[in-house]
Amino acid sequence: RLIVYVNKGDHGFHNGEMDMKTIFRAFGPSFKRNFVSEPFDSIHIYPLMCKLLQVEPAPHNGSLAVTEDMLWSR
């Protein structure tokens, strides 16, 4: 008996639907209170975390410009 299974990655939900998006919630001394951001891709969290931790980021495809509006400018 030969069982053929081909996974085409179709799980029934379209990743473009807003109901399928993740939530990014942050609070602390570096973040503005009650700030609501436009939706953004999670790839932009890496440069944000590097800035907050004061570490030099490795090469990446994210952009701090996407998330820096949620930070207090000090």
PDB file of N, CA and C in Angstrom:
ATOM      1  N   ARG A   1       0.847  -1.173   0.000  1.00  0.00           N
ATOM      2  CA  ARG A   1       0.000   0.000   0.000  1.00  0.00           C
ATOM      3  C   ARG A   1       0.893   1.237   0.000  1.00  0.00           C
ATOM      4  N   LEU A   2       0.607   2.173  -0.854  1.00  0.00           N
ATOM      5  CA  LEU A   2       1.377   3.409  -0.985  1.00  0.00           C
ATOM      6  C   LEU A   2       0.508   4.586  -0.546  1.00  0.00           C
ATOM      7  N   ILE A   3       0.975   5.288   0.487  1.00  0.00           N
ATOM      8  CA  ILE A   3       0.249   6.464   0.963  1.00  0.00           C
ATOM      9  C   ILE A   3       1.020   7.693   0.509  1.00  0.00           C
ATOM     10  N   VAL A   4       0.380   8.514  -0.248  1.00  0.00           N
ATOM     11  CA  VAL A   4       1.012   9.733  -0.749  1.00  0.00           C
ATOM     12  C   VAL A   4       0.376  10.918  -0.032  1.00  0.00           C
ATOM     13  N   TYR A   5       1.220  11.720   0.586  1.00  0.00           N
ATOM     14  CA  TYR A   5       0.745  12.909   1.279  1.00  0.00           C
ATOM     15  C   TYR A   5       1.560  14.086   0.784  1.00  0.00           C
ATOM     16  N   VAL A   6       0.901  15.073   0.275  1.00  0.00           N
ATOM     17  CA  VAL A   6       1.579  16.269  -0.213  1.00  0.00           C
ATOM     18  C   VAL A   6       1.077  17.452   0.606  1.00  0.00           C
ATOM     19  N   ASN A   7       1.961  18.039   1.386  1.00  0.00           N
ATOM     20  CA  ASN A   7       1.602  19.193   2.199  1.00  0.00           C
ATOM     21  C   ASN A   7       1.847  20.455   1.386  1.00  0.00           C
ATOM     22  N   LYS A   8       0.793  21.117   1.037  1.00  0.00           N
ATOM     23  CA  LYS A   8       0.911  22.349   0.264  1.00  0.00           C
ATOM     24  C   LYS A   8       0.840  23.581   1.165  1.00  0.00           C
ATOM     25  N   GLY A   9       0.856  23.380   2.463  1.00  0.00           N
ATOM     26  CA  GLY A   9       0.819  24.505   3.393  1.00  0.00           C
ATOM     27  C   GLY A   9      -0.541  25.188   3.469  1.00  0.00           C
ATOM     28  N   ASP A  10      -1.569  24.521   3.058  1.00  0.00           N
ATOM     29  CA  ASP A  10      -2.905  25.104   3.065  1.00  0.00           C
ATOM     30  C   ASP A  10      -3.621  24.693   4.348  1.00  0.00           C
ATOM     31  N   HIS A  11      -3.675  25.619   5.301  1.00  0.00           N
ATOM     32  CA  HIS A  11      -4.297  25.312   6.585  1.00  0.00           C
ATOM     33  C   HIS A  11      -5.687  25.913   6.703  1.00  0.00           C
ATOM     34  N   GLY A  12      -6.155  26.527   5.644  1.00  0.00           N
ATOM     35  CA  GLY A  12      -7.508  27.043   5.642  1.00  0.00           C
ATOM     36  C   GLY A  12      -7.653  28.506   6.012  1.00  0.00           C
ATOM     37  N   PHE A  13      -6.574  29.158   6.409  1.00  0.00           N
ATOM     38  CA  PHE A  13      -6.652  30.555   6.789  1.00  0.00           C
ATOM     39  C   PHE A  13      -5.689  31.364   5.944  1.00  0.00           C
ATOM     40  N   HIS A  14      -6.139  32.505   5.470  1.00  0.00           N
ATOM     41  CA  HIS A  14      -5.296  33.374   4.654  1.00  0.00           C
ATOM     42  C   HIS A  14      -4.498  34.288   5.575  1.00  0.00           C
ATOM     43  N   ASN A  15      -3.179  34.316   5.414  1.00  0.00           N
ATOM     44  CA  ASN A  15      -2.340  35.108   6.321  1.00  0.00           C
ATOM     45  C   ASN A  15      -2.480  36.613   6.109  1.00  0.00           C
ATOM     46  N   GLY A  16      -3.212  37.018   5.106  1.00  0.00           N
ATOM     47  CA  GLY A  16      -3.468  38.435   4.900  1.00  0.00           C
ATOM     48  C   GLY A  16      -4.660  38.958   5.689  1.00  0.00           C
ATOM     49  N   GLU A  17      -5.447  38.056   6.251  1.00  0.00           N
ATOM     50  CA  GLU A  17      -6.611  38.457   7.040  1.00  0.00           C
ATOM     51  C   GLU A  17      -6.170  39.025   8.388  1.00  0.00           C
ATOM     52  N   MET A  18      -6.768  40.135   8.806  1.00  0.00           N
ATOM     53  CA  MET A  18      -6.396  40.764  10.074  1.00  0.00           C
ATOM     54  C   MET A  18      -6.612  39.835  11.265  1.00  0.00           C
ATOM     55  N   ASP A  19      -7.588  38.947  11.191  1.00  0.00           N
ATOM     56  CA  ASP A  19      -7.822  38.001  12.283  1.00  0.00           C
ATOM     57  C   ASP A  19      -6.676  37.014  12.452  1.00  0.00           C
ATOM     58  N   MET A  20      -5.814  36.900  11.462  1.00  0.00           N
ATOM     59  CA  MET A  20      -4.701  35.954  11.516  1.00  0.00           C
ATOM     60  C   MET A  20      -3.397  36.625  11.927  1.00  0.00           C
ATOM     61  N   LYS A  21      -3.427  37.894  12.229  1.00  0.00           N
ATOM     62  CA  LYS A  21      -2.223  38.630  12.610  1.00  0.00           C
ATOM     63  C   LYS A  21      -1.915  38.405  14.089  1.00  0.00           C
ATOM     64  N   THR A  22      -0.647  38.580  14.448  1.00  0.00           N
ATOM     65  CA  THR A  22      -0.248  38.468  15.851  1.00  0.00           C
ATOM     66  C   THR A  22      -0.405  39.813  16.548  1.00  0.00           C
ATOM     67  N   ILE A  23      -0.263  39.799  17.851  1.00  0.00           N
ATOM     68  CA  ILE A  23      -0.353  41.014  18.653  1.00  0.00           C
ATOM     69  C   ILE A  23       1.025  41.312  19.219  1.00  0.00           C
ATOM     70  N   PHE A  24       1.444  42.566  19.134  1.00  0.00           N
ATOM     71  CA  PHE A  24       2.676  43.001  19.781  1.00  0.00           C
ATOM     72  C   PHE A  24       2.271  43.995  20.857  1.00  0.00           C
ATOM     73  N   ARG A  25       2.567  43.638  22.087  1.00  0.00           N
ATOM     74  CA  ARG A  25       2.233  44.497  23.218  1.00  0.00           C
ATOM     75  C   ARG A  25       3.502  44.740  24.010  1.00  0.00           C
ATOM     76  N   ALA A  26       3.780  45.995  24.298  1.00  0.00           N
ATOM     77  CA  ALA A  26       5.008  46.323  25.021  1.00  0.00           C
ATOM     78  C   ALA A  26       4.724  47.439  26.021  1.00  0.00           C
ATOM     79  N   PHE A  27       5.412  47.369  27.135  1.00  0.00           N
ATOM     80  CA  PHE A  27       5.315  48.435  28.116  1.00  0.00           C
ATOM     81  C   PHE A  27       6.620  48.498  28.880  1.00  0.00           C
ATOM     82  N   GLY A  28       6.889  49.637  29.455  1.00  0.00           N
ATOM     83  CA  GLY A  28       8.116  49.853  30.201  1.00  0.00           C
ATOM     84  C   GLY A  28       8.574  51.281  30.010  1.00  0.00           C
ATOM     85  N   PRO A  29       9.700  51.622  30.619  1.00  0.00           N
ATOM     86  CA  PRO A  29      10.142  53.018  30.597  1.00  0.00           C
ATOM     87  C   PRO A  29      10.501  53.540  29.207  1.00  0.00           C
ATOM     88  N   SER A  30      10.797  52.673  28.270  1.00  0.00           N
ATOM     89  CA  SER A  30      11.176  53.119  26.926  1.00  0.00           C
ATOM     90  C   SER A  30       9.983  53.315  25.994  1.00  0.00           C
ATOM     91  N   PHE A  31       8.824  52.799  26.386  1.00  0.00           N
ATOM     92  CA  PHE A  31       7.665  52.823  25.498  1.00  0.00           C
ATOM     93  C   PHE A  31       6.666  53.905  25.897  1.00  0.00           C
ATOM     94  N   LYS A  32       6.087  54.553  24.886  1.00  0.00           N
ATOM     95  CA  LYS A  32       5.041  55.544  25.119  1.00  0.00           C
ATOM     96  C   LYS A  32       3.802  54.850  25.690  1.00  0.00           C
ATOM     97  N   ARG A  33       3.092  55.557  26.533  1.00  0.00           N
ATOM     98  CA  ARG A  33       1.852  55.018  27.097  1.00  0.00           C
ATOM     99  C   ARG A  33       0.713  55.183  26.099  1.00  0.00           C
ATOM    100  N   ASN A  34      -0.149  54.189  26.050  1.00  0.00           N
ATOM    101  CA  ASN A  34      -1.362  54.221  25.220  1.00  0.00           C
ATOM    102  C   ASN A  34      -1.081  54.441  23.741  1.00  0.00           C
ATOM    103  N   PHE A  35       0.101  54.087  23.294  1.00  0.00           N
ATOM    104  CA  PHE A  35       0.446  54.237  21.878  1.00  0.00           C
ATOM    105  C   PHE A  35      -0.120  53.057  21.096  1.00  0.00           C
ATOM    106  N   VAL A  36      -0.763  53.341  19.986  1.00  0.00           N
ATOM    107  CA  VAL A  36      -1.287  52.298  19.110  1.00  0.00           C
ATOM    108  C   VAL A  36      -0.571  52.425  17.774  1.00  0.00           C
ATOM    109  N   SER A  37       0.110  51.373  17.397  1.00  0.00           N
ATOM    110  CA  SER A  37       0.908  51.356  16.172  1.00  0.00           C
ATOM    111  C   SER A  37       0.092  50.839  15.000  1.00  0.00           C
ATOM    112  N   GLU A  38       0.535  51.195  13.826  1.00  0.00           N
ATOM    113  CA  GLU A  38       0.017  50.557  12.619  1.00  0.00           C
ATOM    114  C   GLU A  38       0.536  49.122  12.607  1.00  0.00           C
ATOM    115  N   PRO A  39      -0.141  48.207  11.949  1.00  0.00           N
ATOM    116  CA  PRO A  39       0.376  46.829  11.854  1.00  0.00           C
ATOM    117  C   PRO A  39       1.761  46.802  11.208  1.00  0.00           C
ATOM    118  N   PHE A  40       2.611  45.898  11.705  1.00  0.00           N
ATOM    119  CA  PHE A  40       3.950  45.752  11.131  1.00  0.00           C
ATOM    120  C   PHE A  40       4.362  44.294  11.176  1.00  0.00           C
ATOM    121  N   ASP A  41       5.318  43.937  10.323  1.00  0.00           N
ATOM    122  CA  ASP A  41       5.828  42.568  10.274  1.00  0.00           C
ATOM    123  C   ASP A  41       6.753  42.319  11.459  1.00  0.00           C
ATOM    124  N   SER A  42       6.736  41.110  11.974  1.00  0.00           N
ATOM    125  CA  SER A  42       7.528  40.774  13.162  1.00  0.00           C
ATOM    126  C   SER A  42       9.032  40.882  12.923  1.00  0.00           C
ATOM    127  N   ILE A  43       9.465  40.920  11.691  1.00  0.00           N
ATOM    128  CA  ILE A  43      10.896  41.052  11.398  1.00  0.00           C
ATOM    129  C   ILE A  43      11.455  42.371  11.942  1.00  0.00           C
ATOM    130  N   HIS A  44      10.595  43.351  12.164  1.00  0.00           N
ATOM    131  CA  HIS A  44      11.038  44.657  12.658  1.00  0.00           C
ATOM    132  C   HIS A  44      11.210  44.689  14.179  1.00  0.00           C
ATOM    133  N   ILE A  45      10.863  43.625  14.869  1.00  0.00           N
ATOM    134  CA  ILE A  45      11.051  43.571  16.320  1.00  0.00           C
ATOM    135  C   ILE A  45      12.530  43.412  16.673  1.00  0.00           C
ATOM    136  N   TYR A  46      13.287  42.717  15.826  1.00  0.00           N
ATOM    137  CA  TYR A  46      14.711  42.481  16.119  1.00  0.00           C
ATOM    138  C   TYR A  46      15.502  43.781  16.287  1.00  0.00           C
ATOM    139  N   PRO A  47      15.443  44.728  15.345  1.00  0.00           N
ATOM    140  CA  PRO A  47      16.205  45.960  15.575  1.00  0.00           C
ATOM    141  C   PRO A  47      15.696  46.757  16.773  1.00  0.00           C
ATOM    142  N   LEU A  48      14.404  46.659  17.062  1.00  0.00           N
ATOM    143  CA  LEU A  48      13.849  47.322  18.240  1.00  0.00           C
ATOM    144  C   LEU A  48      14.449  46.742  19.515  1.00  0.00           C
ATOM    145  N   MET A  49      14.489  45.431  19.620  1.00  0.00           N
ATOM    146  CA  MET A  49      15.053  44.782  20.807  1.00  0.00           C
ATOM    147  C   MET A  49      16.544  45.081  20.947  1.00  0.00           C
ATOM    148  N   CYS A  50      17.256  45.103  19.843  1.00  0.00           N
ATOM    149  CA  CYS A  50      18.688  45.432  19.899  1.00  0.00           C
ATOM    150  C   CYS A  50      18.894  46.844  20.430  1.00  0.00           C
ATOM    151  N   LYS A  51      18.062  47.779  19.984  1.00  0.00           N
ATOM    152  CA  LYS A  51      18.174  49.154  20.478  1.00  0.00           C
ATOM    153  C   LYS A  51      17.896  49.208  21.973  1.00  0.00           C
ATOM    154  N   LEU A  52      16.832  48.545  22.417  1.00  0.00           N
ATOM    155  CA  LEU A  52      16.471  48.568  23.830  1.00  0.00           C
ATOM    156  C   LEU A  52      17.541  47.921  24.704  1.00  0.00           C
ATOM    157  N   LEU A  53      18.166  46.872  24.198  1.00  0.00           N
ATOM    158  CA  LEU A  53      19.198  46.158  24.953  1.00  0.00           C
ATOM    159  C   LEU A  53      20.586  46.750  24.756  1.00  0.00           C
ATOM    160  N   GLN A  54      20.665  47.757  23.893  1.00  0.00           N
ATOM    161  CA  GLN A  54      21.928  48.433  23.587  1.00  0.00           C
ATOM    162  C   GLN A  54      22.992  47.457  23.104  1.00  0.00           C
ATOM    163  N   VAL A  55      22.580  46.600  22.164  1.00  0.00           N
ATOM    164  CA  VAL A  55      23.520  45.674  21.528  1.00  0.00           C
ATOM    165  C   VAL A  55      23.556  45.960  20.034  1.00  0.00           C
ATOM    166  N   GLU A  56      24.702  45.716  19.442  1.00  0.00           N
ATOM    167  CA  GLU A  56      24.876  45.911  18.004  1.00  0.00           C
ATOM    168  C   GLU A  56      24.181  44.775  17.262  1.00  0.00           C
ATOM    169  N   PRO A  57      23.230  45.088  16.394  1.00  0.00           N
ATOM    170  CA  PRO A  57      22.528  44.008  15.691  1.00  0.00           C
ATOM    171  C   PRO A  57      23.396  43.358  14.620  1.00  0.00           C
ATOM    172  N   ALA A  58      23.186  42.076  14.433  1.00  0.00           N
ATOM    173  CA  ALA A  58      23.795  41.366  13.307  1.00  0.00           C
ATOM    174  C   ALA A  58      23.047  41.812  12.048  1.00  0.00           C
ATOM    175  N   PRO A  59      23.597  41.524  10.881  1.00  0.00           N
ATOM    176  CA  PRO A  59      22.870  41.882   9.653  1.00  0.00           C
ATOM    177  C   PRO A  59      21.455  41.293   9.668  1.00  0.00           C
ATOM    178  N   HIS A  60      20.495  42.103   9.255  1.00  0.00           N
ATOM    179  CA  HIS A  60      19.092  41.678   9.288  1.00  0.00           C
ATOM    180  C   HIS A  60      18.307  42.452   8.241  1.00  0.00           C
ATOM    181  N   ASN A  61      17.063  42.073   8.068  1.00  0.00           N
ATOM    182  CA  ASN A  61      16.198  42.727   7.087  1.00  0.00           C
ATOM    183  C   ASN A  61      15.133  43.607   7.732  1.00  0.00           C
ATOM    184  N   GLY A  62      15.186  43.765   9.042  1.00  0.00           N
ATOM    185  CA  GLY A  62      14.213  44.606   9.730  1.00  0.00           C
ATOM    186  C   GLY A  62      14.612  46.069   9.661  1.00  0.00           C
ATOM    187  N   SER A  63      13.709  46.925  10.091  1.00  0.00           N
ATOM    188  CA  SER A  63      13.968  48.360  10.094  1.00  0.00           C
ATOM    189  C   SER A  63      13.472  48.965  11.403  1.00  0.00           C
ATOM    190  N   LEU A  64      14.358  49.643  12.104  1.00  0.00           N
ATOM    191  CA  LEU A  64      13.985  50.313  13.345  1.00  0.00           C
ATOM    192  C   LEU A  64      12.994  51.440  13.071  1.00  0.00           C
ATOM    193  N   ALA A  65      13.044  52.013  11.886  1.00  0.00           N
ATOM    194  CA  ALA A  65      12.137  53.110  11.534  1.00  0.00           C
ATOM    195  C   ALA A  65      10.670  52.697  11.639  1.00  0.00           C
ATOM    196  N   VAL A  66      10.395  51.418  11.489  1.00  0.00           N
ATOM    197  CA  VAL A  66       9.013  50.927  11.544  1.00  0.00           C
ATOM    198  C   VAL A  66       8.465  50.974  12.968  1.00  0.00           C
ATOM    199  N   THR A  67       9.313  50.753  13.970  1.00  0.00           N
ATOM    200  CA  THR A  67       8.847  50.637  15.356  1.00  0.00           C
ATOM    201  C   THR A  67       9.295  51.773  16.270  1.00  0.00           C
ATOM    202  N   GLU A  68      10.172  52.651  15.826  1.00  0.00           N
ATOM    203  CA  GLU A  68      10.734  53.640  16.745  1.00  0.00           C
ATOM    204  C   GLU A  68       9.726  54.690  17.204  1.00  0.00           C
ATOM    205  N   ASP A  69       8.602  54.843  16.507  1.00  0.00           N
ATOM    206  CA  ASP A  69       7.583  55.796  16.954  1.00  0.00           C
ATOM    207  C   ASP A  69       6.951  55.393  18.279  1.00  0.00           C
ATOM    208  N   MET A  70       7.051  54.132  18.648  1.00  0.00           N
ATOM    209  CA  MET A  70       6.465  53.691  19.913  1.00  0.00           C
ATOM    210  C   MET A  70       7.379  53.970  21.108  1.00  0.00           C
ATOM    211  N   LEU A  71       8.593  54.454  20.834  1.00  0.00           N
ATOM    212  CA  LEU A  71       9.557  54.727  21.898  1.00  0.00           C
ATOM    213  C   LEU A  71       9.560  56.203  22.274  1.00  0.00           C
ATOM    214  N   TRP A  72       9.839  56.469  23.547  1.00  0.00           N
ATOM    215  CA  TRP A  72      10.078  57.840  23.982  1.00  0.00           C
ATOM    216  C   TRP A  72      11.402  58.285  23.394  1.00  0.00           C
ATOM    217  N   SER A  73      11.486  59.493  22.913  1.00  0.00           N
ATOM    218  CA  SER A  73      12.773  60.012  22.426  1.00  0.00           C
ATOM    219  C   SER A  73      13.416  60.793  23.560  1.00  0.00           C
ATOM    220  N   ARG A  74      14.533  60.256  24.029  1.00  0.00           N
ATOM    221  CA  ARG A  74      15.218  60.888  25.173  1.00  0.00           C
ATOM    222  C   ARG A  74      16.612  61.277  24.793  1.00  0.00           C
TER     223      ARG A  74
END
